[in-house]
Amino acid sequence: MSAPTLHEAAFSLEWQAKYIRRATAVADALAHFAAGEGCTDPAGDADIVAGGVLFLSSYLGRIADEAESGAASFKGDAQ
């Protein structure tokens, strides 16, 4: 295989940045819920935060998997 192109590396980084920004938006929303802003149902908000954290953990894991896969591919191709 040939070395990765600059375009391939840029695409991979762009994908990661886009999904990290989405994860940041979810984390921001969770922080507002956890702070109790506009809270009318603390137990319900706690359930939302717990579900959001589980989602965010999985989502960040997916981003990390993609980054590791891309890095391994680029390292292997470059050698």
PDB file of N, CA and C in Angstrom:
ATOM      1  N   MET A   1       0.829  -1.187   0.000  1.00  0.00           N
ATOM      2  CA  MET A   1       0.000   0.000   0.000  1.00  0.00           C
ATOM      3  C   MET A   1       0.872   1.249   0.000  1.00  0.00           C
ATOM      4  N   SER A   2       0.352   2.290  -0.547  1.00  0.00           N
ATOM      5  CA  SER A   2       1.097   3.542  -0.581  1.00  0.00           C
ATOM      6  C   SER A   2       0.831   4.348   0.692  1.00  0.00           C
ATOM      7  N   ALA A   3       1.662   5.315   0.915  1.00  0.00           N
ATOM      8  CA  ALA A   3       1.503   6.183   2.082  1.00  0.00           C
ATOM      9  C   ALA A   3       0.187   6.957   1.969  1.00  0.00           C
ATOM     10  N   PRO A   4      -0.425   7.266   3.107  1.00  0.00           N
ATOM     11  CA  PRO A   4      -1.674   8.026   3.050  1.00  0.00           C
ATOM     12  C   PRO A   4      -1.437   9.406   2.450  1.00  0.00           C
ATOM     13  N   THR A   5      -2.439   9.873   1.764  1.00  0.00           N
ATOM     14  CA  THR A   5      -2.330  11.199   1.170  1.00  0.00           C
ATOM     15  C   THR A   5      -2.688  12.257   2.203  1.00  0.00           C
ATOM     16  N   LEU A   6      -2.308  13.460   1.901  1.00  0.00           N
ATOM     17  CA  LEU A   6      -2.667  14.580   2.765  1.00  0.00           C
ATOM     18  C   LEU A   6      -4.185  14.705   2.833  1.00  0.00           C
ATOM     19  N   HIS A   7      -4.858  14.451   1.727  1.00  0.00           N
ATOM     20  CA  HIS A   7      -6.320  14.519   1.694  1.00  0.00           C
ATOM     21  C   HIS A   7      -6.941  13.482   2.637  1.00  0.00           C
ATOM     22  N   GLU A   8      -6.425  12.268   2.628  1.00  0.00           N
ATOM     23  CA  GLU A   8      -6.952  11.226   3.519  1.00  0.00           C
ATOM     24  C   GLU A   8      -6.750  11.596   4.985  1.00  0.00           C
ATOM     25  N   ALA A   9      -5.585  12.108   5.310  1.00  0.00           N
ATOM     26  CA  ALA A   9      -5.311  12.514   6.695  1.00  0.00           C
ATOM     27  C   ALA A   9      -6.217  13.673   7.100  1.00  0.00           C
ATOM     28  N   ALA A  10      -6.391  14.642   6.206  1.00  0.00           N
ATOM     29  CA  ALA A  10      -7.246  15.787   6.502  1.00  0.00           C
ATOM     30  C   ALA A  10      -8.696  15.346   6.688  1.00  0.00           C
ATOM     31  N   PHE A  11      -9.167  14.432   5.861  1.00  0.00           N
ATOM     32  CA  PHE A  11     -10.537  13.925   5.987  1.00  0.00           C
ATOM     33  C   PHE A  11     -10.738  13.242   7.332  1.00  0.00           C
ATOM     34  N   SER A  12      -9.775  12.431   7.740  1.00  0.00           N
ATOM     35  CA  SER A  12      -9.854  11.735   9.022  1.00  0.00           C
ATOM     36  C   SER A  12      -9.908  12.729  10.185  1.00  0.00           C
ATOM     37  N   LEU A  13      -9.062  13.731  10.144  1.00  0.00           N
ATOM     38  CA  LEU A  13      -9.048  14.736  11.215  1.00  0.00           C
ATOM     39  C   LEU A  13     -10.325  15.564  11.214  1.00  0.00           C
ATOM     40  N   GLU A  14     -10.831  15.876  10.033  1.00  0.00           N
ATOM     41  CA  GLU A  14     -12.075  16.635   9.932  1.00  0.00           C
ATOM     42  C   GLU A  14     -13.237  15.834  10.532  1.00  0.00           C
ATOM     43  N   TRP A  15     -13.290  14.551  10.250  1.00  0.00           N
ATOM     44  CA  TRP A  15     -14.336  13.680  10.804  1.00  0.00           C
ATOM     45  C   TRP A  15     -14.270  13.698  12.321  1.00  0.00           C
ATOM     46  N   GLN A  16     -13.059  13.535  12.849  1.00  0.00           N
ATOM     47  CA  GLN A  16     -12.890  13.521  14.304  1.00  0.00           C
ATOM     48  C   GLN A  16     -13.305  14.847  14.926  1.00  0.00           C
ATOM     49  N   ALA A  17     -12.906  15.954  14.328  1.00  0.00           N
ATOM     50  CA  ALA A  17     -13.261  17.270  14.865  1.00  0.00           C
ATOM     51  C   ALA A  17     -14.769  17.476  14.880  1.00  0.00           C
ATOM     52  N   LYS A  18     -15.448  17.063  13.806  1.00  0.00           N
ATOM     53  CA  LYS A  18     -16.896  17.225  13.726  1.00  0.00           C
ATOM     54  C   LYS A  18     -17.594  16.448  14.843  1.00  0.00           C
ATOM     55  N   TYR A  19     -17.186  15.229  15.053  1.00  0.00           N
ATOM     56  CA  TYR A  19     -17.846  14.406  16.056  1.00  0.00           C
ATOM     57  C   TYR A  19     -17.452  14.795  17.471  1.00  0.00           C
ATOM     58  N   ILE A  20     -16.265  15.311  17.664  1.00  0.00           N
ATOM     59  CA  ILE A  20     -15.880  15.815  18.986  1.00  0.00           C
ATOM     60  C   ILE A  20     -16.700  17.056  19.321  1.00  0.00           C
ATOM     61  N   ARG A  21     -16.957  17.911  18.335  1.00  0.00           N
ATOM     62  CA  ARG A  21     -17.806  19.086  18.568  1.00  0.00           C
ATOM     63  C   ARG A  21     -19.218  18.653  18.977  1.00  0.00           C
ATOM     64  N   ARG A  22     -19.738  17.624  18.338  1.00  0.00           N
ATOM     65  CA  ARG A  22     -21.063  17.118  18.719  1.00  0.00           C
ATOM     66  C   ARG A  22     -21.052  16.582  20.145  1.00  0.00           C
ATOM     67  N   ALA A  23     -20.001  15.868  20.507  1.00  0.00           N
ATOM     68  CA  ALA A  23     -19.891  15.350  21.868  1.00  0.00           C
ATOM     69  C   ALA A  23     -19.800  16.493  22.872  1.00  0.00           C
ATOM     70  N   THR A  24     -19.125  17.564  22.494  1.00  0.00           N
ATOM     71  CA  THR A  24     -19.021  18.733  23.369  1.00  0.00           C
ATOM     72  C   THR A  24     -20.388  19.361  23.604  1.00  0.00           C
ATOM     73  N   ALA A  25     -21.213  19.419  22.582  1.00  0.00           N
ATOM     74  CA  ALA A  25     -22.561  19.969  22.730  1.00  0.00           C
ATOM     75  C   ALA A  25     -23.393  19.110  23.679  1.00  0.00           C
ATOM     76  N   VAL A  26     -23.264  17.799  23.580  1.00  0.00           N
ATOM     77  CA  VAL A  26     -23.984  16.898  24.489  1.00  0.00           C
ATOM     78  C   VAL A  26     -23.491  17.108  25.915  1.00  0.00           C
ATOM     79  N   ALA A  27     -22.175  17.209  26.101  1.00  0.00           N
ATOM     80  CA  ALA A  27     -21.615  17.424  27.439  1.00  0.00           C
ATOM     81  C   ALA A  27     -22.111  18.746  28.026  1.00  0.00           C
ATOM     82  N   ASP A  28     -22.205  19.777  27.207  1.00  0.00           N
ATOM     83  CA  ASP A  28     -22.699  21.073  27.663  1.00  0.00           C
ATOM     84  C   ASP A  28     -24.151  20.960  28.135  1.00  0.00           C
ATOM     85  N   ALA A  29     -24.972  20.271  27.355  1.00  0.00           N
ATOM     86  CA  ALA A  29     -26.378  20.083  27.747  1.00  0.00           C
ATOM     87  C   ALA A  29     -26.474  19.291  29.049  1.00  0.00           C
ATOM     88  N   LEU A  30     -25.651  18.276  29.187  1.00  0.00           N
ATOM     89  CA  LEU A  30     -25.658  17.482  30.422  1.00  0.00           C
ATOM     90  C   LEU A  30     -25.240  18.325  31.621  1.00  0.00           C
ATOM     91  N   ALA A  31     -24.282  19.210  31.430  1.00  0.00           N
ATOM     92  CA  ALA A  31     -23.845  20.082  32.520  1.00  0.00           C
ATOM     93  C   ALA A  31     -24.992  20.980  32.987  1.00  0.00           C
ATOM     94  N   HIS A  32     -25.793  21.490  32.047  1.00  0.00           N
ATOM     95  CA  HIS A  32     -26.936  22.326  32.416  1.00  0.00           C
ATOM     96  C   HIS A  32     -27.971  21.517  33.195  1.00  0.00           C
ATOM     97  N   PHE A  33     -28.243  20.311  32.747  1.00  0.00           N
ATOM     98  CA  PHE A  33     -29.181  19.458  33.476  1.00  0.00           C
ATOM     99  C   PHE A  33     -28.643  19.129  34.862  1.00  0.00           C
ATOM    100  N   ALA A  34     -27.367  18.780  34.963  1.00  0.00           N
ATOM    101  CA  ALA A  34     -26.772  18.409  36.246  1.00  0.00           C
ATOM    102  C   ALA A  34     -26.767  19.590  37.214  1.00  0.00           C
ATOM    103  N   ALA A  35     -26.648  20.797  36.685  1.00  0.00           N
ATOM    104  CA  ALA A  35     -26.653  21.990  37.536  1.00  0.00           C
ATOM    105  C   ALA A  35     -28.056  22.339  38.019  1.00  0.00           C
ATOM    106  N   GLY A  36     -29.053  21.673  37.481  1.00  0.00           N
ATOM    107  CA  GLY A  36     -30.426  21.899  37.918  1.00  0.00           C
ATOM    108  C   GLY A  36     -31.061  23.137  37.329  1.00  0.00           C
ATOM    109  N   GLU A  37     -30.523  23.648  36.235  1.00  0.00           N
ATOM    110  CA  GLU A  37     -31.096  24.839  35.608  1.00  0.00           C
ATOM    111  C   GLU A  37     -32.491  24.511  35.076  1.00  0.00           C
ATOM    112  N   GLY A  38     -33.472  25.281  35.522  1.00  0.00           N
ATOM    113  CA  GLY A  38     -34.844  25.068  35.087  1.00  0.00           C
ATOM    114  C   GLY A  38     -35.435  23.774  35.620  1.00  0.00           C
ATOM    115  N   CYS A  39     -34.900  23.310  36.712  1.00  0.00           N
ATOM    116  CA  CYS A  39     -35.284  22.006  37.268  1.00  0.00           C
ATOM    117  C   CYS A  39     -36.685  22.037  37.871  1.00  0.00           C
ATOM    118  N   THR A  40     -37.549  21.171  37.400  1.00  0.00           N
ATOM    119  CA  THR A  40     -38.871  20.983  38.006  1.00  0.00           C
ATOM    120  C   THR A  40     -39.025  19.545  38.494  1.00  0.00           C
ATOM    121  N   ASP A  41     -38.146  18.671  38.028  1.00  0.00           N
ATOM    122  CA  ASP A  41     -38.210  17.256  38.399  1.00  0.00           C
ATOM    123  C   ASP A  41     -36.781  16.732  38.572  1.00  0.00           C
ATOM    124  N   PRO A  42     -36.192  16.913  39.774  1.00  0.00           N
ATOM    125  CA  PRO A  42     -34.801  16.495  39.976  1.00  0.00           C
ATOM    126  C   PRO A  42     -34.534  15.024  39.654  1.00  0.00           C
ATOM    127  N   ALA A  43     -35.459  14.151  39.997  1.00  0.00           N
ATOM    128  CA  ALA A  43     -35.260  12.726  39.712  1.00  0.00           C
ATOM    129  C   ALA A  43     -35.265  12.473  38.206  1.00  0.00           C
ATOM    130  N   GLY A  44     -36.173  13.128  37.513  1.00  0.00           N
ATOM    131  CA  GLY A  44     -36.233  12.979  36.059  1.00  0.00           C
ATOM    132  C   GLY A  44     -34.985  13.530  35.390  1.00  0.00           C
ATOM    133  N   ASP A  45     -34.505  14.671  35.896  1.00  0.00           N
ATOM    134  CA  ASP A  45     -33.282  15.253  35.351  1.00  0.00           C
ATOM    135  C   ASP A  45     -32.087  14.344  35.599  1.00  0.00           C
ATOM    136  N   ALA A  46     -32.049  13.704  36.754  1.00  0.00           N
ATOM    137  CA  ALA A  46     -30.951  12.775  37.058  1.00  0.00           C
ATOM    138  C   ALA A  46     -30.972  11.599  36.083  1.00  0.00           C
ATOM    139  N   ASP A  47     -32.153  11.123  35.743  1.00  0.00           N
ATOM    140  CA  ASP A  47     -32.271  10.035  34.763  1.00  0.00           C
ATOM    141  C   ASP A  47     -31.787  10.486  33.382  1.00  0.00           C
ATOM    142  N   ILE A  48     -32.118  11.718  33.016  1.00  0.00           N
ATOM    143  CA  ILE A  48     -31.672  12.248  31.726  1.00  0.00           C
ATOM    144  C   ILE A  48     -30.153  12.350  31.701  1.00  0.00           C
ATOM    145  N   VAL A  49     -29.582  12.870  32.789  1.00  0.00           N
ATOM    146  CA  VAL A  49     -28.123  13.006  32.861  1.00  0.00           C
ATOM    147  C   VAL A  49     -27.463  11.630  32.789  1.00  0.00           C
ATOM    148  N   ALA A  50     -27.988  10.665  33.526  1.00  0.00           N
ATOM    149  CA  ALA A  50     -27.406   9.317  33.514  1.00  0.00           C
ATOM    150  C   ALA A  50     -27.462   8.713  32.113  1.00  0.00           C
ATOM    151  N   GLY A  51     -28.587   8.839  31.447  1.00  0.00           N
ATOM    152  CA  GLY A  51     -28.702   8.326  30.085  1.00  0.00           C
ATOM    153  C   GLY A  51     -27.779   9.055  29.129  1.00  0.00           C
ATOM    154  N   GLY A  52     -27.677  10.364  29.304  1.00  0.00           N
ATOM    155  CA  GLY A  52     -26.794  11.155  28.456  1.00  0.00           C
ATOM    156  C   GLY A  52     -25.337  10.795  28.636  1.00  0.00           C
ATOM    157  N   VAL A  53     -24.950  10.532  29.870  1.00  0.00           N
ATOM    158  CA  VAL A  53     -23.567  10.149  30.142  1.00  0.00           C
ATOM    159  C   VAL A  53     -23.257   8.789  29.516  1.00  0.00           C
ATOM    160  N   LEU A  54     -24.181   7.862  29.592  1.00  0.00           N
ATOM    161  CA  LEU A  54     -23.975   6.564  28.940  1.00  0.00           C
ATOM    162  C   LEU A  54     -23.830   6.729  27.428  1.00  0.00           C
ATOM    163  N   PHE A  55     -24.689   7.562  26.847  1.00  0.00           N
ATOM    164  CA  PHE A  55     -24.595   7.827  25.414  1.00  0.00           C
ATOM    165  C   PHE A  55     -23.256   8.474  25.077  1.00  0.00           C
ATOM    166  N   LEU A  56     -22.880   9.482  25.856  1.00  0.00           N
ATOM    167  CA  LEU A  56     -21.648  10.215  25.585  1.00  0.00           C
ATOM    168  C   LEU A  56     -20.429   9.307  25.698  1.00  0.00           C
ATOM    169  N   SER A  57     -20.438   8.423  26.665  1.00  0.00           N
ATOM    170  CA  SER A  57     -19.330   7.471  26.825  1.00  0.00           C
ATOM    171  C   SER A  57     -19.184   6.602  25.585  1.00  0.00           C
ATOM    172  N   SER A  58     -20.289   6.095  25.094  1.00  0.00           N
ATOM    173  CA  SER A  58     -20.266   5.265  23.893  1.00  0.00           C
ATOM    174  C   SER A  58     -19.826   6.070  22.678  1.00  0.00           C
ATOM    175  N   TYR A  59     -20.339   7.281  22.571  1.00  0.00           N
ATOM    176  CA  TYR A  59     -20.028   8.157  21.441  1.00  0.00           C
ATOM    177  C   TYR A  59     -18.539   8.503  21.417  1.00  0.00           C
ATOM    178  N   LEU A  60     -17.990   8.854  22.576  1.00  0.00           N
ATOM    179  CA  LEU A  60     -16.557   9.173  22.652  1.00  0.00           C
ATOM    180  C   LEU A  60     -15.709   7.936  22.364  1.00  0.00           C
ATOM    181  N   GLY A  61     -16.186   6.779  22.790  1.00  0.00           N
ATOM    182  CA  GLY A  61     -15.486   5.534  22.467  1.00  0.00           C
ATOM    183  C   GLY A  61     -15.426   5.305  20.969  1.00  0.00           C
ATOM    184  N   ARG A  62     -16.500   5.618  20.278  1.00  0.00           N
ATOM    185  CA  ARG A  62     -16.551   5.475  18.810  1.00  0.00           C
ATOM    186  C   ARG A  62     -15.556   6.426  18.143  1.00  0.00           C
ATOM    187  N   ILE A  63     -15.494   7.656  18.636  1.00  0.00           N
ATOM    188  CA  ILE A  63     -14.538   8.617  18.095  1.00  0.00           C
ATOM    189  C   ILE A  63     -13.107   8.127  18.325  1.00  0.00           C
ATOM    190  N   ALA A  64     -12.835   7.625  19.520  1.00  0.00           N
ATOM    191  CA  ALA A  64     -11.492   7.115  19.824  1.00  0.00           C
ATOM    192  C   ALA A  64     -11.151   5.914  18.951  1.00  0.00           C
ATOM    193  N   ASP A  65     -12.114   5.016  18.745  1.00  0.00           N
ATOM    194  CA  ASP A  65     -11.878   3.856  17.881  1.00  0.00           C
ATOM    195  C   ASP A  65     -11.524   4.297  16.464  1.00  0.00           C
ATOM    196  N   GLU A  66     -12.267   5.274  15.963  1.00  0.00           N
ATOM    197  CA  GLU A  66     -12.023   5.776  14.611  1.00  0.00           C
ATOM    198  C   GLU A  66     -10.642   6.431  14.518  1.00  0.00           C
ATOM    199  N   ALA A  67     -10.285   7.203  15.547  1.00  0.00           N
ATOM    200  CA  ALA A  67      -8.972   7.862  15.548  1.00  0.00           C
ATOM    201  C   ALA A  67      -7.845   6.834  15.600  1.00  0.00           C
ATOM    202  N   GLU A  68      -7.992   5.818  16.441  1.00  0.00           N
ATOM    203  CA  GLU A  68      -6.977   4.771  16.535  1.00  0.00           C
ATOM    204  C   GLU A  68      -6.853   3.998  15.227  1.00  0.00           C
ATOM    205  N   SER A  69      -7.993   3.699  14.611  1.00  0.00           N
ATOM    206  CA  SER A  69      -7.983   2.981  13.348  1.00  0.00           C
ATOM    207  C   SER A  69      -7.282   3.798  12.263  1.00  0.00           C
ATOM    208  N   GLY A  70      -7.613   5.082  12.205  1.00  0.00           N
ATOM    209  CA  GLY A  70      -6.972   5.954  11.229  1.00  0.00           C
ATOM    210  C   GLY A  70      -5.483   6.070  11.466  1.00  0.00           C
ATOM    211  N   ALA A  71      -5.094   6.228  12.716  1.00  0.00           N
ATOM    212  CA  ALA A  71      -3.670   6.357  13.038  1.00  0.00           C
ATOM    213  C   ALA A  71      -2.916   5.081  12.682  1.00  0.00           C
ATOM    214  N   ALA A  72      -3.486   3.935  13.005  1.00  0.00           N
ATOM    215  CA  ALA A  72      -2.850   2.658  12.680  1.00  0.00           C
ATOM    216  C   ALA A  72      -2.721   2.488  11.174  1.00  0.00           C
ATOM    217  N   SER A  73      -3.751   2.866  10.464  1.00  0.00           N
ATOM    218  CA  SER A  73      -3.735   2.760   9.015  1.00  0.00           C
ATOM    219  C   SER A  73      -2.670   3.667   8.423  1.00  0.00           C
ATOM    220  N   PHE A  74      -2.620   4.901   8.902  1.00  0.00           N
ATOM    221  CA  PHE A  74      -1.646   5.847   8.366  1.00  0.00           C
ATOM    222  C   PHE A  74      -0.222   5.417   8.706  1.00  0.00           C
ATOM    223  N   LYS A  75      -0.024   4.896   9.919  1.00  0.00           N
ATOM    224  CA  LYS A  75       1.307   4.426  10.310  1.00  0.00           C
ATOM    225  C   LYS A  75       1.723   3.247   9.441  1.00  0.00           C
ATOM    226  N   GLY A  76       0.791   2.317   9.250  1.00  0.00           N
ATOM    227  CA  GLY A  76       1.095   1.143   8.446  1.00  0.00           C
ATOM    228  C   GLY A  76       1.346   1.484   7.000  1.00  0.00           C
ATOM    229  N   ASP A  77       0.568   2.380   6.452  1.00  0.00           N
ATOM    230  CA  ASP A  77       0.724   2.794   5.058  1.00  0.00           C
ATOM    231  C   ASP A  77       2.011   3.581   4.836  1.00  0.00           C
ATOM    232  N   ALA A  78       2.425   4.312   5.854  1.00  0.00           N
ATOM    233  CA  ALA A  78       3.589   5.178   5.699  1.00  0.00           C
ATOM    234  C   ALA A  78       4.909   4.398   5.754  1.00  0.00           C
ATOM    235  N   GLN A  79       4.842   3.183   6.264  1.00  0.00           N
ATOM    236  CA  GLN A  79       6.075   2.408   6.410  1.00  0.00           C
ATOM    237  C   GLN A  79       6.424   1.648   5.158  1.00  0.00           C
TER     238      GLN A  79
END
